[in-house]
C-alpha atoms as a PDB file:
ATOM      1  CA  MET A   1      75.055 114.002 -30.120  1.00  0.00           C
ATOM      2  CA  LYS A   2      77.985 112.033 -28.737  1.00  0.00           C
ATOM      3  CA  ARG A   3      81.314 113.266 -30.009  1.00  0.00           C
ATOM      4  CA  GLU A   4      83.368 110.622 -31.759  1.00  0.00           C
ATOM      5  CA  GLN A   5      86.708 109.983 -30.100  1.00  0.00           C
ATOM      6  CA  THR A   6      89.857 110.644 -32.102  1.00  0.00           C
ATOM      7  CA  LYS A   7      91.778 107.489 -32.965  1.00  0.00           C
ATOM      8  CA  LYS A   8      95.309 107.537 -31.594  1.00  0.00           C
ATOM      9  CA  THR A   9      97.951 106.799 -34.209  1.00  0.00           C
ATOM     10  CA  VAL A  10     101.723 106.954 -34.238  1.00  0.00           C
ATOM     11  CA  LEU A  11     103.707 109.011 -36.710  1.00  0.00           C
ATOM     12  CA  SER A  12     105.455 107.307 -39.575  1.00  0.00           C
ATOM     13  CA  LYS A  13     109.240 107.129 -39.416  1.00  0.00           C
ATOM     14  CA  GLU A  14     109.493 109.788 -42.141  1.00  0.00           C
ATOM     15  CA  GLU A  15     107.058 112.180 -40.399  1.00  0.00           C
ATOM     16  CA  ARG A  16     108.804 111.755 -37.066  1.00  0.00           C
ATOM     17  CA  GLN A  17     112.206 112.448 -38.603  1.00  0.00           C
ATOM     18  CA  ARG A  18     110.915 115.494 -40.503  1.00  0.00           C
ATOM     19  CA  ILE A  19     109.512 117.099 -37.338  1.00  0.00           C
ATOM     20  CA  TRP A  20     112.591 116.079 -35.350  1.00  0.00           C
ATOM     21  CA  GLN A  21     114.779 118.106 -37.719  1.00  0.00           C
ATOM     22  CA  LEU A  22     112.705 121.200 -36.889  1.00  0.00           C
ATOM     23  CA  LEU A  23     113.715 120.996 -33.225  1.00  0.00           C
ATOM     24  CA  THR A  24     116.665 122.873 -31.794  1.00  0.00           C
ATOM     25  CA  PRO A  25     119.578 120.834 -30.340  1.00  0.00           C
ATOM     26  CA  ALA A  26     118.418 121.829 -26.843  1.00  0.00           C
ATOM     27  CA  GLN A  27     114.879 120.567 -27.548  1.00  0.00           C
ATOM     28  CA  GLN A  28     116.198 117.295 -28.978  1.00  0.00           C
ATOM     29  CA  ALA A  29     118.391 116.806 -25.902  1.00  0.00           C
ATOM     30  CA  VAL A  30     115.460 117.326 -23.519  1.00  0.00           C
ATOM     31  CA  LEU A  31     113.240 114.905 -25.459  1.00  0.00           C
ATOM     32  CA  ASN A  32     115.965 112.245 -25.548  1.00  0.00           C
ATOM     33  CA  GLU A  33     116.584 112.597 -21.816  1.00  0.00           C
ATOM     34  CA  HIS A  34     112.835 112.284 -21.160  1.00  0.00           C
ATOM     35  CA  VAL A  35     112.704 109.121 -23.282  1.00  0.00           C
ATOM     36  CA  ARG A  36     115.544 107.633 -21.206  1.00  0.00           C
ATOM     37  CA  TYR A  37     113.763 108.577 -18.000  1.00  0.00           C
ATOM     38  CA  ARG A  38     110.416 107.088 -19.025  1.00  0.00           C
ATOM     39  CA  GLN A  39     111.870 103.873 -20.450  1.00  0.00           C
ATOM     40  CA  THR A  40     113.907 103.304 -17.283  1.00  0.00           C
ATOM     41  CA  SER A  41     110.943 104.159 -15.043  1.00  0.00           C
ATOM     42  CA  LEU A  42     108.767 101.683 -16.933  1.00  0.00           C
ATOM     43  CA  PHE A  43     110.890  98.811 -15.637  1.00  0.00           C
ATOM     44  CA  THR A  44     112.152 100.073 -12.287  1.00  0.00           C
ATOM     45  CA  ASN A  45     108.837 101.417 -10.996  1.00  0.00           C
ATOM     46  CA  SER A  46     106.477  98.804 -12.412  1.00  0.00           C
ATOM     47  CA  ASN A  47     108.673  95.716 -11.911  1.00  0.00           C
ATOM     48  CA  LEU A  48     107.136  94.347 -15.104  1.00  0.00           C
ATOM     49  CA  LEU A  49     109.430  91.341 -15.297  1.00  0.00           C
ATOM     50  CA  GLY A  50     108.133  90.283 -11.879  1.00  0.00           C
ATOM     51  CA  GLU A  51     109.019  87.005 -10.155  1.00  0.00           C
ATOM     52  CA  SER A  52     108.113  84.784 -13.087  1.00  0.00           C
ATOM     53  CA  THR A  53     111.605  85.102 -14.570  1.00  0.00           C
ATOM     54  CA  ASP A  54     115.224  85.124 -13.383  1.00  0.00           C
ATOM     55  CA  TRP A  55     115.968  88.106 -15.617  1.00  0.00           C
ATOM     56  CA  GLU A  56     116.281  91.542 -14.050  1.00  0.00           C
ATOM     57  CA  PHE A  57     116.262  94.890 -15.854  1.00  0.00           C
ATOM     58  CA  VAL A  58     119.639  96.637 -15.438  1.00  0.00           C
ATOM     59  CA  ALA A  59     119.727  99.608 -17.821  1.00  0.00           C
ATOM     60  CA  TYR A  60     118.244 101.286 -20.878  1.00  0.00           C
ATOM     61  CA  ASN A  61     120.281 102.894 -23.685  1.00  0.00           C
ATOM     62  CA  LEU A  62     118.995 105.192 -26.438  1.00  0.00           C
ATOM     63  CA  ASN A  63     120.723 105.233 -29.817  1.00  0.00           C
ATOM     64  CA  GLU A  64     120.649 108.923 -30.769  1.00  0.00           C
ATOM     65  CA  ASN A  65     122.382 108.097 -34.063  1.00  0.00           C
ATOM     66  CA  TYR A  66     119.835 105.507 -35.171  1.00  0.00           C
ATOM     67  CA  ASP A  67     118.207 107.573 -37.923  1.00  0.00           C
ATOM     68  CA  SER A  68     121.394 109.166 -39.229  1.00  0.00           C
ATOM     69  CA  HIS A  69     123.461 105.919 -39.198  1.00  0.00           C
ATOM     70  CA  ASP A  70     126.444 108.062 -38.183  1.00  0.00           C
ATOM     71  CA  GLY A  71     128.546 107.697 -35.054  1.00  0.00           C
ATOM     72  CA  GLU A  72     128.338 105.025 -32.367  1.00  0.00           C
ATOM     73  CA  GLN A  73     125.533 102.485 -32.729  1.00  0.00           C
ATOM     74  CA  LEU A  74     123.744 100.083 -30.391  1.00  0.00           C
ATOM     75  CA  PHE A  75     123.079  96.422 -31.206  1.00  0.00           C
ATOM     76  CA  CYS A  76     121.101  93.447 -30.011  1.00  0.00           C
ATOM     77  CA  ASP A  77     123.103  90.348 -29.034  1.00  0.00           C
ATOM     78  CA  CYS A  78     121.834  88.822 -32.278  1.00  0.00           C
ATOM     79  CA  GLY A  79     123.581  91.612 -34.255  1.00  0.00           C
ATOM     80  CA  ARG A  80     120.507  93.687 -35.118  1.00  0.00           C
ATOM     81  CA  ARG A  81     121.026  97.450 -34.916  1.00  0.00           C
ATOM     82  CA  LEU A  82     118.796  99.025 -32.248  1.00  0.00           C
ATOM     83  CA  LYS A  83     117.307 102.384 -31.380  1.00  0.00           C
ATOM     84  CA  HIS A  84     116.197 101.193 -27.925  1.00  0.00           C
ATOM     85  CA  GLN A  85     118.551  98.806 -26.154  1.00  0.00           C
ATOM     86  CA  TYR A  86     117.573  97.046 -22.926  1.00  0.00           C
ATOM     87  CA  ILE A  87     120.180  95.446 -20.650  1.00  0.00           C
ATOM     88  CA  LEU A  88     118.997  92.393 -18.686  1.00  0.00           C
ATOM     89  CA  GLN A  89     120.939  90.291 -16.201  1.00  0.00           C
ATOM     90  CA  ASN A  90     120.155  86.769 -15.039  1.00  0.00           C
ATOM     91  CA  GLN A  91     119.958  86.756 -11.241  1.00  0.00           C
ATOM     92  CA  SER A  92     121.075  83.114 -11.067  1.00  0.00           C
ATOM     93  CA  SER A  93     123.924  82.907 -13.590  1.00  0.00           C
ATOM     94  CA  GLY A  94     124.897  86.591 -13.816  1.00  0.00           C
ATOM     95  CA  LYS A  95     124.676  86.461 -17.620  1.00  0.00           C
ATOM     96  CA  VAL A  96     124.024  89.842 -19.267  1.00  0.00           C
ATOM     97  CA  LEU A  97     121.902  90.327 -22.393  1.00  0.00           C
ATOM     98  CA  LYS A  98     121.634  93.399 -24.629  1.00  0.00           C
ATOM     99  CA  LEU A  99     118.303  93.225 -26.429  1.00  0.00           C
ATOM    100  CA  GLY A 100     115.674  95.036 -28.425  1.00  0.00           C
ATOM    101  CA  ILE A 101     112.170  94.735 -26.956  1.00  0.00           C
ATOM    102  CA  SER A 102     111.023  92.332 -29.709  1.00  0.00           C
ATOM    103  CA  HIS A 103     113.762  89.838 -28.762  1.00  0.00           C
ATOM    104  CA  PHE A 104     112.947  89.477 -25.070  1.00  0.00           C
ATOM    105  CA  ALA A 105     110.993  86.296 -25.695  1.00  0.00           C
ATOM    106  CA  ASP A 106     113.629  84.836 -28.055  1.00  0.00           C
ATOM    107  CA  HIS A 107     116.684  85.334 -25.849  1.00  0.00           C
ATOM    108  CA  ALA A 108     115.357  85.603 -22.286  1.00  0.00           C
ATOM    109  CA  GLN A 109     112.228  83.434 -22.541  1.00  0.00           C
ATOM    110  CA  ILE A 110     110.086  86.202 -21.045  1.00  0.00           C
ATOM    111  CA  PRO A 111     106.482  84.884 -20.742  1.00  0.00           C
ATOM    112  CA  GLU A 112     104.128  86.002 -23.512  1.00  0.00           C
ATOM    113  CA  PRO A 113     101.661  87.877 -21.219  1.00  0.00           C
ATOM    114  CA  ILE A 114     104.530  89.978 -19.837  1.00  0.00           C
ATOM    115  CA  MET A 115     105.782  90.639 -23.360  1.00  0.00           C
ATOM    116  CA  ARG A 116     102.375  91.902 -24.452  1.00  0.00           C
ATOM    117  CA  GLN A 117     102.181  94.186 -21.425  1.00  0.00           C
ATOM    118  CA  LEU A 118     105.664  95.525 -22.100  1.00  0.00           C
ATOM    119  CA  GLN A 119     104.936  96.196 -25.760  1.00  0.00           C
ATOM    120  CA  THR A 120     101.632  97.918 -24.897  1.00  0.00           C
ATOM    121  CA  GLN A 121     103.260 100.266 -22.405  1.00  0.00           C
ATOM    122  CA  ILE A 122     106.202 101.031 -24.696  1.00  0.00           C
ATOM    123  CA  HIS A 123     103.708 101.805 -27.477  1.00  0.00           C
ATOM    124  CA  GLN A 124     102.034 104.290 -25.104  1.00  0.00           C
ATOM    125  CA  LEU A 125     105.407 105.923 -24.440  1.00  0.00           C
ATOM    126  CA  ASN A 126     106.028 106.224 -28.174  1.00  0.00           C
ATOM    127  CA  PHE A 127     102.571 107.698 -28.720  1.00  0.00           C
ATOM    128  CA  GLY A 128     103.302 110.299 -26.020  1.00  0.00           C
ATOM    129  CA  LEU A 129     106.464 111.342 -27.863  1.00  0.00           C
ATOM    130  CA  ASP A 130     104.605 111.502 -31.179  1.00  0.00           C
ATOM    131  CA  GLU A 131     101.885 113.638 -29.595  1.00  0.00           C
ATOM    132  CA  THR A 132     104.551 116.088 -28.394  1.00  0.00           C
ATOM    133  CA  LEU A 133     105.964 116.299 -31.924  1.00  0.00           C
ATOM    134  CA  ARG A 134     102.485 116.806 -33.421  1.00  0.00           C
ATOM    135  CA  ARG A 135     101.721 119.620 -30.996  1.00  0.00           C
ATOM    136  CA  TYR A 136     105.098 121.220 -31.757  1.00  0.00           C
ATOM    137  CA  ARG A 137     104.375 121.086 -35.488  1.00  0.00           C
ATOM    138  CA  ARG A 138     101.023 122.815 -34.868  1.00  0.00           C
ATOM    139  CA  GLY A 139     102.838 125.623 -33.062  1.00  0.00           C
ATOM    140  CA  VAL A 140     101.561 124.836 -29.556  1.00  0.00           C
ATOM    141  CA  ARG A 141     103.592 126.864 -27.050  1.00  0.00           C
ATOM    142  CA  LEU A 142     103.068 128.387 -23.628  1.00  0.00           C
ATOM    143  CA  ASN A 143     102.182 132.064 -23.530  1.00  0.00           C
ATOM    144  CA  ALA A 144     105.333 134.064 -22.655  1.00  0.00           C
ATOM    145  CA  ASN A 145     103.785 135.431 -19.443  1.00  0.00           C
ATOM    146  CA  VAL A 146     102.620 131.979 -18.357  1.00  0.00           C
ATOM    147  CA  LYS A 147     106.046 130.504 -19.110  1.00  0.00           C
ATOM    148  CA  ALA A 148     107.850 133.198 -17.090  1.00  0.00           C
ATOM    149  CA  TRP A 149     105.504 132.602 -14.144  1.00  0.00           C
ATOM    150  CA  LEU A 150     105.810 128.807 -14.371  1.00  0.00           C
ATOM    151  CA  LEU A 151     109.598 128.895 -14.205  1.00  0.00           C
ATOM    152  CA  THR A 152     109.340 130.600 -10.799  1.00  0.00           C
ATOM    153  CA  GLN A 153     107.048 127.886  -9.416  1.00  0.00           C
ATOM    154  CA  LYS A 154     107.582 124.413  -7.988  1.00  0.00           C
ATOM    155  CA  THR A 155     106.767 122.030 -10.837  1.00  0.00           C
ATOM    156  CA  HIS A 156     106.680 118.738  -8.900  1.00  0.00           C
ATOM    157  CA  ARG A 157     102.874 118.824  -9.015  1.00  0.00           C
ATOM    158  CA  TYR A 158     102.974 118.352 -12.789  1.00  0.00           C
ATOM    159  CA  THR A 159     104.341 115.502 -14.907  1.00  0.00           C
ATOM    160  CA  PRO A 160     108.139 114.930 -14.987  1.00  0.00           C
ATOM    161  CA  PHE A 161     110.165 117.254 -17.223  1.00  0.00           C
ATOM    162  CA  THR A 162     107.510 119.993 -17.222  1.00  0.00           C
ATOM    163  CA  ARG A 163     110.085 122.648 -16.335  1.00  0.00           C
ATOM    164  CA  GLU A 164     112.595 121.317 -18.870  1.00  0.00           C
ATOM    165  CA  TYR A 165     109.956 121.345 -21.627  1.00  0.00           C
ATOM    166  CA  ALA A 166     108.926 124.903 -20.759  1.00  0.00           C
ATOM    167  CA  GLU A 167     112.525 126.137 -20.675  1.00  0.00           C
ATOM    168  CA  VAL A 168     113.166 125.034 -24.291  1.00  0.00           C
ATOM    169  CA  ASP A 169     109.647 125.865 -25.577  1.00  0.00           C
ATOM    170  CA  LEU A 170     108.432 122.311 -26.102  1.00  0.00           C
ATOM    171  CA  PRO A 171     104.650 121.793 -25.827  1.00  0.00           C
ATOM    172  CA  LEU A 172     103.474 120.401 -22.499  1.00  0.00           C
ATOM    173  CA  THR A 173     100.889 117.663 -22.109  1.00  0.00           C
ATOM    174  CA  VAL A 174      97.264 118.726 -22.573  1.00  0.00           C
ATOM    175  CA  GLU A 175      96.551 117.991 -18.900  1.00  0.00           C
ATOM    176  CA  ASP A 176      99.494 120.062 -17.652  1.00  0.00           C
ATOM    177  CA  THR A 177      98.657 122.911 -20.021  1.00  0.00           C
ATOM    178  CA  TYR A 178      95.100 123.197 -18.644  1.00  0.00           C
ATOM    179  CA  ALA A 179      96.309 122.905 -15.036  1.00  0.00           C
ATOM    180  CA  ILE A 180      99.008 125.548 -15.509  1.00  0.00           C
ATOM    181  CA  ARG A 181      96.683 127.981 -17.295  1.00  0.00           C
ATOM    182  CA  ASN A 182      94.120 127.652 -14.493  1.00  0.00           C
ATOM    183  CA  ALA A 183      96.814 128.142 -11.838  1.00  0.00           C
ATOM    184  CA  PHE A 184      98.112 131.225 -13.667  1.00  0.00           C
ATOM    185  CA  ALA A 185      94.573 132.641 -13.929  1.00  0.00           C
ATOM    186  CA  ARG A 186      94.177 132.273 -10.144  1.00  0.00           C
ATOM    187  CA  TYR A 187      97.548 133.995  -9.684  1.00  0.00           C
ATOM    188  CA  GLU A 188      96.464 136.912 -11.891  1.00  0.00           C
ATOM    189  CA  ARG A 189      93.158 137.307 -10.012  1.00  0.00           C
ATOM    190  CA  HIS A 190      95.085 137.370  -6.731  1.00  0.00           C
ATOM    191  CA  GLN A 191      97.454 140.020  -8.124  1.00  0.00           C
ATOM    192  CA  VAL A 192      94.581 142.242  -9.271  1.00  0.00           C
ATOM    193  CA  LYS A 193      92.833 141.879  -5.912  1.00  0.00           C
ATOM    194  CA  ALA A 194      96.057 142.706  -4.050  1.00  0.00           C
ATOM    195  CA  GLN A 195      96.459 145.948  -6.050  1.00  0.00           C
ATOM    196  CA  GLN A 196      92.948 147.209  -5.281  1.00  0.00           C
ATOM    197  CA  PRO A 197      92.737 149.847  -2.500  1.00  0.00           C
ATOM    198  CA  VAL A 198      91.488 148.556   0.835  1.00  0.00           C
ATOM    199  CA  VAL A 199      88.205 150.195   1.817  1.00  0.00           C
ATOM    200  CA  LYS A 200      88.128 150.693   5.552  1.00  0.00           C
ATOM    201  CA  ARG A 201      84.732 149.870   6.991  1.00  0.00           C
ATOM    202  CA  THR A 202      83.379 152.035   9.777  1.00  0.00           C
ATOM    203  CA  ARG A 203      82.548 150.022  12.875  1.00  0.00           C
ATOM    204  CA  ARG A 204      78.907 150.545  13.830  1.00  0.00           C
ATOM    205  CA  THR A 205      77.695 150.274  17.410  1.00  0.00           C
ATOM    206  CA  LYS A 206      74.493 148.490  18.408  1.00  0.00           C
ATOM    207  CA  LYS A 207      72.885 151.885  19.056  1.00  0.00           C
ATOM    208  CA  VAL A 208      73.701 153.049  15.523  1.00  0.00           C
ATOM    209  CA  LYS A 209      72.402 149.806  13.979  1.00  0.00           C
ATOM    210  CA  LYS A 210      69.185 150.057  16.007  1.00  0.00           C
ATOM    211  CA  ALA A 211      68.637 153.625  14.858  1.00  0.00           C
ATOM    212  CA  GLU A 212      69.266 152.654  11.210  1.00  0.00           C
ATOM    213  CA  ASN A 213      66.788 149.783  11.449  1.00  0.00           C
ATOM    214  CA  GLN A 214      64.141 152.022  13.030  1.00  0.00           C
ATOM    215  CA  ALA A 215      64.646 154.561  10.267  1.00  0.00           C
ATOM    216  CA  LYS A 216      63.999 151.838   7.688  1.00  0.00           C
ATOM    217  CA  VAL A 217      60.806 150.799   9.500  1.00  0.00           C
ATOM    218  CA  ASN A 218      59.596 154.397   9.670  1.00  0.00           C
ATOM    219  CA  LEU A 219      60.291 154.848   5.960  1.00  0.00           C
ATOM    220  CA  TYR A 220      58.360 151.669   5.184  1.00  0.00           C
ATOM    221  CA  LEU A 221      55.351 152.710   7.289  1.00  0.00           C
ATOM    222  CA  LYS A 222      55.348 156.187   5.743  1.00  0.00           C
ATOM    223  CA  ALA A 223      55.301 154.637   2.275  1.00  0.00           C
ATOM    224  CA  PHE A 224      51.972 152.992   3.117  1.00  0.00           C
ATOM    225  CA  ASP A 225      50.753 156.035   5.087  1.00  0.00           C
ATOM    226  CA  TRP A 226      50.328 154.086   8.322  1.00  0.00           C
END
């Protein structure tokens, strides 16, 4: 019977905030820095704005005080308070815009297909963050021995921020968790094998091998009384 796939959903604002308050300041800082990294990479690596517009992505800013309403805030050029602020610059006029993602089309006339692609990818980023928070709430953590081993390894083979997540006990992605557990299992098998005593094999000459083979033949013939 085919297993039904789980429908991906985002957390509500209240759920997200409730789990966020369970995190330590160090964990919150790592998550915020990862959000900045992924949002910036979305534009700089994918060149989503392309050549169909004169607007170029310049920077991304995260409003860490958005939920608390305290401290410095970020705003759209229209005056709307923002959690995610995107800075665009017109390559022809040099004009700079500070926008929320929903206002790209209103202020910068970004084509609709590009807007849909942007919103889809940003939704995927948000789902990734929500999945991390869900896994944290369920108590998903690396085994202490696996964590200690991982922090001695090169982590470039895994997704960005793997080491930072491990250092502050945030849950890793499912894919990285499986890969790291398998790598650690191979490491443990190698350690066990290395600790086993080496059995020195006696080198046998052709004469000795021939005699052993003849002895086997004689034993076989004797068994059948030939």
